[in-house]
Each structure stands twice: as structure tokens, then as C-alpha cells.
Amino acid sequence: VQLQASGGGLVQAGDSLRLSCAASGRTFGVGYVGWFRRAPGKARDFVGSITWSGDYTYVDDSVKGRFTISRDNAKNTVYLQMNSLKPEDTAVYYCAAVSDYDPWDLWCLGYEYDYWGHGTQVTVSS
């Protein structure tokens, strides 16, 4: 599975951005796609996840109410809609995929994922 994240950029606080994660290759076995971010000098953090079918999403409390995850089945693309951006949202954002399915797991740990895309930089100025 190959993942390509895009949509990052430089925005001002309060603005919105939509990141895309396009999946290709052997996607029929994918169970979940997750979004993670790494701010400068910090560890990688979980942002949210979505089932490959798109019927269940989970976002971390740190972004709940501002970020949402969705999927376009026809395009094999997962989106991360980010609203009311804050300077602390500045980070490189990564999407990842896992070939497993467990509805009791939040899939919020990076090591659970099998495939990673290159990140896209999001910079939020104050």
C-alpha cells in the first residue's frame, strides 16, 4: 500500500485546511487509516483514525470539535479537515494504514500501522 499525503501549507490562526491521503496499491486489505503529527522537537502524536469503509472515525481529544476525518470511497482517499487552526497545530502531518481490523482498538499507536506516507507540513501563524 502506498500513501501520499498532501494539502499542507502556511495559514493563519483560525483558518482551515483539508489534508488528503491518497492510497494506492493493495488497498483491499486495509482496515484503518490514521493521521499522526509531529511538532518540532516533540514526539509523534495521534490525531485520528477512520475505518477503510469510512463508517467509523475517532479523533483525539486534543483536536475533537475542530478536526474531522472522512473518506471518499471512489477516490481511495482519506481527508483530515482541520478547522479553527491554532499555532500549536503546527507540525508535519502523516497518514498511515494498517492491514488489520479490530473494532475494540482505537488504533492510536503508531507501531500498530504497517504503511506510512511522507508527511505534509502544516504551519499555523499567530
N, C-alpha and C. Protein backbone atom coordinates (compact mmCIF):
# COMPACT_ATOMS: atom_id res chain seq x y z
N VAL A 1 0.85 -1.18 0.00
CA VAL A 1 0.00 0.00 0.00
C VAL A 1 0.89 1.24 0.00
N GLN A 2 0.58 2.13 -0.90
CA GLN A 2 1.32 3.40 -0.95
C GLN A 2 0.37 4.52 -0.53
N LEU A 3 0.90 5.43 0.27
CA LEU A 3 0.10 6.54 0.77
C LEU A 3 0.77 7.85 0.41
N GLN A 4 -0.02 8.79 -0.03
CA GLN A 4 0.50 10.10 -0.41
C GLN A 4 -0.33 11.17 0.29
N ALA A 5 0.30 11.84 1.24
CA ALA A 5 -0.38 12.92 1.95
C ALA A 5 -0.10 14.25 1.26
N SER A 6 -1.10 15.10 1.23
CA SER A 6 -0.94 16.40 0.60
C SER A 6 -1.91 17.40 1.23
N GLY A 7 -1.75 18.66 0.88
CA GLY A 7 -2.69 19.67 1.33
C GLY A 7 -2.17 20.60 2.41
N GLY A 8 -0.96 20.36 2.87
CA GLY A 8 -0.41 21.22 3.90
C GLY A 8 -0.07 22.60 3.36
N GLY A 9 0.27 23.49 4.27
CA GLY A 9 0.63 24.83 3.85
C GLY A 9 0.78 25.75 5.03
N LEU A 10 0.93 27.02 4.72
CA LEU A 10 1.06 28.07 5.73
C LEU A 10 -0.26 28.83 5.83
N VAL A 11 -0.85 28.82 7.02
CA VAL A 11 -2.12 29.51 7.22
C VAL A 11 -2.04 30.32 8.51
N GLN A 12 -3.05 31.14 8.71
CA GLN A 12 -3.12 31.94 9.93
C GLN A 12 -4.03 31.25 10.94
N ALA A 13 -3.83 31.60 12.20
CA ALA A 13 -4.68 31.05 13.26
C ALA A 13 -6.15 31.34 12.95
N GLY A 14 -6.97 30.32 13.14
CA GLY A 14 -8.38 30.44 12.84
C GLY A 14 -8.78 29.95 11.46
N ASP A 15 -7.80 29.77 10.60
CA ASP A 15 -8.08 29.28 9.25
C ASP A 15 -8.36 27.78 9.24
N SER A 16 -8.73 27.29 8.07
CA SER A 16 -8.99 25.86 7.88
C SER A 16 -8.08 25.31 6.79
N LEU A 17 -7.82 24.03 6.89
CA LEU A 17 -7.08 23.30 5.87
C LEU A 17 -7.68 21.91 5.76
N ARG A 18 -7.61 21.34 4.58
CA ARG A 18 -8.01 19.95 4.41
C ARG A 18 -6.84 19.17 3.84
N LEU A 19 -6.39 18.21 4.61
CA LEU A 19 -5.32 17.33 4.15
C LEU A 19 -5.93 16.11 3.48
N SER A 20 -5.22 15.61 2.48
CA SER A 20 -5.66 14.41 1.77
C SER A 20 -4.61 13.32 1.92
N CYS A 21 -5.09 12.10 1.95
CA CYS A 21 -4.22 10.94 1.98
C CYS A 21 -4.73 9.98 0.92
N ALA A 22 -4.03 9.94 -0.20
CA ALA A 22 -4.43 9.08 -1.31
C ALA A 22 -3.74 7.74 -1.18
N ALA A 23 -4.52 6.67 -1.21
CA ALA A 23 -3.99 5.32 -1.07
C ALA A 23 -4.02 4.62 -2.42
N SER A 24 -2.97 3.84 -2.68
CA SER A 24 -2.92 3.08 -3.92
C SER A 24 -2.26 1.74 -3.63
N GLY A 25 -2.32 0.87 -4.59
CA GLY A 25 -1.74 -0.45 -4.41
C GLY A 25 -2.76 -1.44 -3.86
N ARG A 26 -2.34 -2.37 -3.01
CA ARG A 26 -3.21 -3.41 -2.49
C ARG A 26 -4.03 -2.91 -1.31
N THR A 27 -4.97 -2.06 -1.61
CA THR A 27 -5.75 -1.42 -0.56
C THR A 27 -6.91 -2.27 -0.06
N PHE A 28 -7.18 -3.41 -0.72
CA PHE A 28 -8.37 -4.18 -0.34
C PHE A 28 -8.27 -4.75 1.06
N GLY A 29 -7.05 -4.85 1.59
CA GLY A 29 -6.88 -5.42 2.92
C GLY A 29 -6.75 -4.39 4.02
N VAL A 30 -6.84 -3.12 3.67
CA VAL A 30 -6.66 -2.08 4.67
C VAL A 30 -7.86 -2.05 5.62
N GLY A 31 -7.55 -1.97 6.93
CA GLY A 31 -8.61 -1.89 7.92
C GLY A 31 -8.85 -0.46 8.40
N TYR A 32 -7.77 0.27 8.60
CA TYR A 32 -7.88 1.63 9.13
C TYR A 32 -6.82 2.53 8.48
N VAL A 33 -7.14 3.80 8.44
CA VAL A 33 -6.16 4.83 8.10
C VAL A 33 -6.11 5.80 9.26
N GLY A 34 -4.91 6.09 9.68
CA GLY A 34 -4.74 7.00 10.80
C GLY A 34 -3.98 8.25 10.39
N TRP A 35 -4.21 9.32 11.13
CA TRP A 35 -3.45 10.55 10.96
C TRP A 35 -2.63 10.80 12.23
N PHE A 36 -1.40 11.14 12.03
CA PHE A 36 -0.48 11.47 13.11
C PHE A 36 0.20 12.80 12.79
N ARG A 37 0.80 13.39 13.78
CA ARG A 37 1.55 14.62 13.54
C ARG A 37 2.76 14.67 14.45
N ARG A 38 3.78 15.36 13.97
CA ARG A 38 4.99 15.56 14.77
C ARG A 38 5.34 17.02 14.73
N ALA A 39 5.23 17.66 15.88
CA ALA A 39 5.61 19.06 16.00
C ALA A 39 7.11 19.15 16.21
N PRO A 40 7.72 20.28 15.89
CA PRO A 40 9.17 20.43 16.05
C PRO A 40 9.61 20.13 17.47
N GLY A 41 10.58 19.22 17.59
CA GLY A 41 11.13 18.89 18.89
C GLY A 41 10.26 18.04 19.77
N LYS A 42 9.16 17.53 19.22
CA LYS A 42 8.24 16.73 20.03
C LYS A 42 8.05 15.34 19.44
N ALA A 43 7.47 14.48 20.23
CA ALA A 43 7.18 13.13 19.77
C ALA A 43 5.99 13.14 18.81
N ARG A 44 5.86 12.07 18.06
CA ARG A 44 4.73 11.93 17.16
C ARG A 44 3.45 11.73 17.96
N ASP A 45 2.41 12.42 17.58
CA ASP A 45 1.13 12.33 18.27
C ASP A 45 0.05 11.79 17.34
N PHE A 46 -0.87 11.06 17.92
CA PHE A 46 -2.03 10.56 17.20
C PHE A 46 -3.04 11.68 17.04
N VAL A 47 -3.63 11.77 15.85
CA VAL A 47 -4.67 12.77 15.59
C VAL A 47 -6.04 12.11 15.47
N GLY A 48 -6.13 11.07 14.67
CA GLY A 48 -7.41 10.41 14.50
C GLY A 48 -7.29 9.23 13.55
N SER A 49 -8.35 8.45 13.47
CA SER A 49 -8.36 7.29 12.58
C SER A 49 -9.74 7.09 12.01
N ILE A 50 -9.79 6.33 10.92
CA ILE A 50 -11.05 6.03 10.25
C ILE A 50 -10.97 4.62 9.70
N THR A 51 -12.07 3.89 9.77
CA THR A 51 -12.09 2.59 9.13
C THR A 51 -12.02 2.77 7.62
N TRP A 52 -11.50 1.76 6.95
CA TRP A 52 -11.37 1.87 5.49
C TRP A 52 -12.74 2.01 4.83
N SER A 53 -13.74 1.43 5.46
CA SER A 53 -15.09 1.57 4.93
C SER A 53 -15.64 2.98 5.14
N GLY A 54 -15.04 3.71 6.06
CA GLY A 54 -15.48 5.06 6.33
C GLY A 54 -16.61 5.18 7.32
N ASP A 55 -17.02 4.07 7.92
CA ASP A 55 -18.20 4.13 8.77
C ASP A 55 -17.90 4.40 10.23
N TYR A 56 -16.65 4.48 10.59
CA TYR A 56 -16.32 4.78 11.98
C TYR A 56 -15.07 5.64 12.03
N THR A 57 -15.14 6.72 12.77
CA THR A 57 -13.98 7.59 12.94
C THR A 57 -13.74 7.83 14.41
N TYR A 58 -12.53 8.16 14.72
CA TYR A 58 -12.15 8.50 16.10
C TYR A 58 -11.10 9.59 16.03
N VAL A 59 -11.28 10.67 16.77
CA VAL A 59 -10.28 11.72 16.83
C VAL A 59 -9.85 11.94 18.27
N ASP A 60 -8.61 12.31 18.42
CA ASP A 60 -8.06 12.53 19.74
C ASP A 60 -8.74 13.72 20.41
N ASP A 61 -8.81 13.66 21.72
CA ASP A 61 -9.46 14.74 22.47
C ASP A 61 -8.81 16.09 22.21
N SER A 62 -7.53 16.09 21.89
CA SER A 62 -6.82 17.35 21.69
C SER A 62 -7.31 18.13 20.48
N VAL A 63 -7.97 17.45 19.54
CA VAL A 63 -8.46 18.11 18.33
C VAL A 63 -9.96 17.93 18.13
N LYS A 64 -10.59 17.24 19.06
CA LYS A 64 -12.01 16.98 18.92
C LYS A 64 -12.79 18.29 18.88
N GLY A 65 -13.73 18.35 17.95
CA GLY A 65 -14.51 19.57 17.77
C GLY A 65 -13.93 20.50 16.73
N ARG A 66 -12.67 20.28 16.37
CA ARG A 66 -12.02 21.10 15.33
C ARG A 66 -11.63 20.28 14.11
N PHE A 67 -11.20 19.06 14.33
CA PHE A 67 -10.75 18.20 13.23
C PHE A 67 -11.76 17.09 12.98
N THR A 68 -11.97 16.76 11.74
CA THR A 68 -12.80 15.61 11.38
C THR A 68 -12.11 14.81 10.28
N ILE A 69 -12.41 13.53 10.25
CA ILE A 69 -11.84 12.63 9.26
C ILE A 69 -12.96 12.05 8.42
N SER A 70 -12.71 11.97 7.13
CA SER A 70 -13.70 11.39 6.22
C SER A 70 -12.99 10.63 5.12
N ARG A 71 -13.77 9.93 4.33
CA ARG A 71 -13.18 9.12 3.26
C ARG A 71 -14.04 9.21 2.02
N ASP A 72 -13.37 9.28 0.88
CA ASP A 72 -14.03 9.20 -0.42
C ASP A 72 -13.73 7.83 -0.99
N ASN A 73 -14.73 6.95 -0.97
CA ASN A 73 -14.50 5.56 -1.40
C ASN A 73 -14.08 5.48 -2.86
N ALA A 74 -14.66 6.31 -3.68
CA ALA A 74 -14.36 6.25 -5.12
C ALA A 74 -12.92 6.65 -5.42
N LYS A 75 -12.38 7.51 -4.59
CA LYS A 75 -11.02 8.01 -4.84
C LYS A 75 -9.97 7.34 -3.96
N ASN A 76 -10.40 6.41 -3.09
CA ASN A 76 -9.45 5.79 -2.15
C ASN A 76 -8.65 6.85 -1.41
N THR A 77 -9.33 7.87 -0.99
CA THR A 77 -8.67 9.00 -0.34
C THR A 77 -9.34 9.28 1.00
N VAL A 78 -8.51 9.52 1.99
CA VAL A 78 -8.97 9.90 3.33
C VAL A 78 -8.60 11.36 3.55
N TYR A 79 -9.52 12.07 4.17
CA TYR A 79 -9.31 13.50 4.39
C TYR A 79 -9.23 13.82 5.88
N LEU A 80 -8.45 14.81 6.19
CA LEU A 80 -8.40 15.37 7.54
C LEU A 80 -8.77 16.85 7.41
N GLN A 81 -10.00 17.15 7.81
CA GLN A 81 -10.47 18.53 7.78
C GLN A 81 -10.10 19.20 9.10
N MET A 82 -9.33 20.26 9.00
CA MET A 82 -8.85 20.95 10.18
C MET A 82 -9.41 22.38 10.19
N ASN A 83 -10.21 22.66 11.20
CA ASN A 83 -10.81 23.98 11.34
C ASN A 83 -10.27 24.68 12.58
N SER A 84 -10.45 25.97 12.62
CA SER A 84 -10.02 26.78 13.77
C SER A 84 -8.59 26.44 14.17
N LEU A 85 -7.72 26.46 13.21
CA LEU A 85 -6.33 26.06 13.45
C LEU A 85 -5.65 27.00 14.43
N LYS A 86 -4.78 26.41 15.22
CA LYS A 86 -4.02 27.13 16.24
C LYS A 86 -2.52 26.99 15.95
N PRO A 87 -1.72 27.91 16.42
CA PRO A 87 -0.27 27.77 16.22
C PRO A 87 0.26 26.43 16.73
N GLU A 88 -0.33 25.90 17.78
CA GLU A 88 0.14 24.62 18.32
C GLU A 88 -0.20 23.43 17.43
N ASP A 89 -0.98 23.67 16.37
CA ASP A 89 -1.25 22.61 15.40
C ASP A 89 -0.13 22.50 14.37
N THR A 90 0.83 23.41 14.43
CA THR A 90 1.96 23.36 13.51
C THR A 90 2.72 22.06 13.69
N ALA A 91 2.88 21.34 12.60
CA ALA A 91 3.52 20.02 12.65
C ALA A 91 3.60 19.46 11.24
N VAL A 92 4.36 18.40 11.12
CA VAL A 92 4.30 17.58 9.91
C VAL A 92 3.23 16.53 10.15
N TYR A 93 2.29 16.44 9.24
CA TYR A 93 1.17 15.51 9.38
C TYR A 93 1.41 14.30 8.47
N TYR A 94 1.21 13.13 9.05
CA TYR A 94 1.41 11.88 8.34
C TYR A 94 0.12 11.07 8.34
N CYS A 95 -0.10 10.34 7.25
CA CYS A 95 -1.16 9.35 7.26
C CYS A 95 -0.52 7.96 7.21
N ALA A 96 -1.22 7.02 7.79
CA ALA A 96 -0.72 5.66 7.88
C ALA A 96 -1.88 4.69 7.71
N ALA A 97 -1.57 3.48 7.30
CA ALA A 97 -2.60 2.47 7.09
C ALA A 97 -2.19 1.16 7.75
N VAL A 98 -3.19 0.39 8.16
CA VAL A 98 -2.94 -0.89 8.80
C VAL A 98 -3.83 -1.94 8.15
N SER A 99 -3.25 -3.12 7.91
CA SER A 99 -3.99 -4.23 7.31
C SER A 99 -4.52 -5.13 8.41
N ASP A 100 -5.40 -4.60 9.20
CA ASP A 100 -5.98 -5.35 10.32
C ASP A 100 -7.31 -4.69 10.65
N TYR A 101 -8.11 -5.41 11.43
CA TYR A 101 -9.39 -4.84 11.83
C TYR A 101 -9.73 -5.33 13.22
N ASP A 102 -9.97 -4.38 14.12
CA ASP A 102 -10.38 -4.71 15.47
C ASP A 102 -11.22 -3.55 15.99
N PRO A 103 -12.53 -3.72 16.06
CA PRO A 103 -13.38 -2.61 16.46
C PRO A 103 -13.20 -2.19 17.91
N TRP A 104 -12.50 -2.99 18.70
CA TRP A 104 -12.26 -2.64 20.11
C TRP A 104 -10.97 -1.85 20.29
N ASP A 105 -10.24 -1.67 19.21
CA ASP A 105 -8.98 -0.94 19.27
C ASP A 105 -9.19 0.45 18.70
N LEU A 106 -8.61 1.45 19.34
CA LEU A 106 -8.72 2.82 18.85
C LEU A 106 -7.71 3.11 17.75
N TRP A 107 -6.74 2.22 17.57
CA TRP A 107 -5.73 2.37 16.53
C TRP A 107 -5.06 3.73 16.63
N CYS A 108 -4.59 4.03 17.82
CA CYS A 108 -3.98 5.33 18.08
C CYS A 108 -2.48 5.25 18.32
N LEU A 109 -1.91 4.07 18.13
CA LEU A 109 -0.48 3.90 18.35
C LEU A 109 0.23 3.71 17.03
N GLY A 110 1.29 4.45 16.83
CA GLY A 110 1.99 4.42 15.56
C GLY A 110 2.51 3.05 15.18
N TYR A 111 2.97 2.28 16.17
CA TYR A 111 3.56 0.98 15.84
C TYR A 111 2.53 -0.01 15.33
N GLU A 112 1.25 0.30 15.49
CA GLU A 112 0.20 -0.59 15.01
C GLU A 112 0.04 -0.52 13.49
N TYR A 113 0.61 0.50 12.87
CA TYR A 113 0.39 0.74 11.45
C TYR A 113 1.51 0.14 10.61
N ASP A 114 1.10 -0.39 9.46
CA ASP A 114 2.02 -1.08 8.57
C ASP A 114 2.62 -0.17 7.50
N TYR A 115 1.87 0.81 7.07
CA TYR A 115 2.27 1.62 5.94
C TYR A 115 2.19 3.10 6.32
N TRP A 116 3.18 3.84 5.85
CA TRP A 116 3.24 5.27 6.14
C TRP A 116 3.51 6.06 4.88
N GLY A 117 2.89 7.21 4.82
CA GLY A 117 3.18 8.12 3.73
C GLY A 117 4.19 9.16 4.18
N HIS A 118 4.70 9.89 3.21
CA HIS A 118 5.54 11.04 3.55
C HIS A 118 4.64 12.12 4.12
N GLY A 119 5.15 12.89 5.01
CA GLY A 119 4.34 13.88 5.69
C GLY A 119 4.11 15.13 4.85
N THR A 120 3.17 15.93 5.31
CA THR A 120 2.90 17.23 4.71
C THR A 120 2.95 18.28 5.82
N GLN A 121 3.65 19.35 5.55
CA GLN A 121 3.89 20.36 6.58
C GLN A 121 2.68 21.29 6.72
N VAL A 122 2.26 21.48 7.94
CA VAL A 122 1.22 22.46 8.26
C VAL A 122 1.83 23.47 9.22
N THR A 123 1.79 24.73 8.84
CA THR A 123 2.32 25.79 9.67
C THR A 123 1.22 26.81 9.92
N VAL A 124 0.95 27.06 11.19
CA VAL A 124 -0.10 28.00 11.57
C VAL A 124 0.55 29.19 12.26
N SER A 125 0.39 30.34 11.66
CA SER A 125 0.98 31.54 12.25
C SER A 125 -0.04 32.24 13.14
N SER A 126 0.47 32.92 14.15
CA SER A 126 -0.43 33.59 15.11
C SER A 126 -0.80 34.99 14.64
